[in-house]
Protein backbone atom coordinates (compact mmCIF):
# COMPACT_ATOMS: atom_id res chain seq x y z
CA MET A 1 -12.30 -3.72 1.93
CA GLY A 2 -9.12 -5.28 1.25
CA ILE A 3 -5.86 -5.75 -0.33
CA ASP A 4 -6.22 -6.98 -4.39
CA ARG A 5 -2.86 -7.19 -4.85
CA MET A 6 1.09 -6.54 -3.23
CA LYS A 7 4.05 -6.08 -4.52
CA ARG A 8 6.90 -5.84 -1.67
CA GLY A 9 10.68 -4.96 -3.22
CA GLN A 10 13.05 -1.59 -2.56
CA TRP A 11 12.26 1.34 -4.44
CA GLY A 12 14.40 3.81 -2.03
CA LYS A 13 11.71 4.21 1.10
CA ILE A 14 9.44 2.49 -0.99
CA VAL A 15 9.14 -1.22 0.66
CA ALA A 16 5.64 -2.12 -1.47
CA PHE A 17 2.96 -0.91 -3.93
CA PHE A 18 -0.58 -2.40 -3.56
CA ASP A 19 -4.15 -2.09 -4.95
CA LEU A 20 -7.11 -1.69 -2.91
CA LYS A 21 -10.42 -3.24 -3.30
CA THR A 22 -13.80 -1.57 -1.96
CA GLU A 23 -16.74 -3.08 -0.79
CA GLU A 24 -19.01 -2.26 -3.89
CA GLY A 25 -15.35 -3.64 -6.31
CA TYR A 26 -13.96 -0.98 -7.30
CA ILE A 27 -10.34 -1.36 -7.29
CA ILE A 28 -7.84 1.57 -6.54
CA LYS A 29 -4.34 1.29 -8.19
CA GLY A 30 -1.23 2.60 -7.19
CA PHE A 31 -1.33 2.93 -3.27
CA LYS A 32 2.69 2.55 -1.78
CA ILE A 33 3.60 1.53 1.24
CA VAL A 34 6.92 4.10 2.67
CA GLU A 35 9.83 3.37 5.36
CA GLY A 36 9.45 6.56 6.96
CA ASN A 37 11.42 8.07 10.26
CA ASP A 38 8.99 6.71 12.71
CA GLY A 39 7.77 3.39 10.79
CA LEU A 40 5.66 2.10 7.75
CA PHE A 41 2.76 4.38 6.42
CA VAL A 42 0.62 4.41 3.43
CA GLY A 43 0.88 6.53 0.51
CA PHE A 44 -2.28 7.20 -1.38
CA PRO A 45 -1.92 7.26 -5.37
CA SER A 46 -0.35 10.57 -6.78
CA GLN A 47 0.67 12.09 -10.25
CA LYS A 48 3.42 14.57 -11.02
CA ASN A 49 2.18 17.58 -11.71
CA LYS A 50 4.25 20.37 -14.29
CA ASP A 51 6.13 22.18 -11.18
CA ASP A 52 7.67 18.37 -10.41
CA GLU A 53 5.56 18.40 -7.15
CA TYR A 54 3.62 15.31 -6.41
CA ASN A 55 -0.32 15.76 -5.35
CA ASP A 56 -2.59 12.78 -4.63
CA THR A 57 -5.22 12.06 -6.67
CA VAL A 58 -7.32 9.63 -4.62
CA PHE A 59 -8.84 11.47 -1.18
CA ALA A 60 -9.67 9.82 2.23
CA ASP A 61 -10.83 11.56 5.50
CA LYS A 62 -8.99 10.66 8.29
CA GLU A 63 -10.96 8.14 9.47
CA LEU A 64 -10.58 5.74 6.17
CA ARG A 65 -6.83 6.80 6.10
CA GLN A 66 -6.12 5.26 9.47
CA GLN A 67 -8.53 1.94 8.24
CA THR A 68 -6.49 2.04 4.93
CA ASN A 69 -3.05 2.06 6.75
CA ASP A 70 -3.66 -0.36 9.26
CA LEU A 71 -4.96 -2.69 6.54
CA ALA A 72 -1.91 -2.37 4.28
CA ILE A 73 0.63 -2.86 7.46
CA LYS A 74 -0.64 -5.89 8.66
CA TYR A 75 -1.26 -7.33 5.13
CA TYR A 76 2.41 -5.99 4.59
CA HIS A 77 3.40 -8.20 7.72
CA GLN A 78 1.42 -11.18 7.41
CA GLU A 79 2.88 -11.29 3.98
CA MET A 80 5.98 -11.31 5.02
CA GLU A 81 6.01 -13.93 7.31
CA VAL A 82 5.63 -16.81 5.32
CA PRO A 83 7.51 -19.92 6.21
CA GLU A 84 10.38 -21.39 4.19
CA ASN A 85 8.80 -24.50 3.68
CA SER A 86 5.37 -23.44 3.17
CA ASP A 87 3.56 -25.69 0.02
CA VAL A 88 4.35 -22.71 -2.22
CA PRO A 89 4.94 -23.86 -5.87
CA PHE A 90 7.16 -21.35 -6.80
C-alpha cells in the first residue's frame, strides 16, 4: 500500500487530499488529512446523503485504518520537509 498522489493546501480543517494505491494496483481516491483537536488524522472517502450528513464509502478494520493513518501522516510530513534549495524544477 502506498500514497499515489497528495495535494496539500488549506480547506478549513483539511490540510491534504490523497489517493491510496493497494498492492494489487487499485487506486482509491478521496482520502483526506484533517487537523483535529488532537493532531492530524485520516478521513476516509465519503459522500453526502440526502440529510446533508457524510457517510464513508470505503471501510477498513481498525488495524488497516491505523496503517493508512500512519502511512499518510508520515508521507505528509516528509513532503513538508523538502529543502528550499532542492533541484525541483518548479
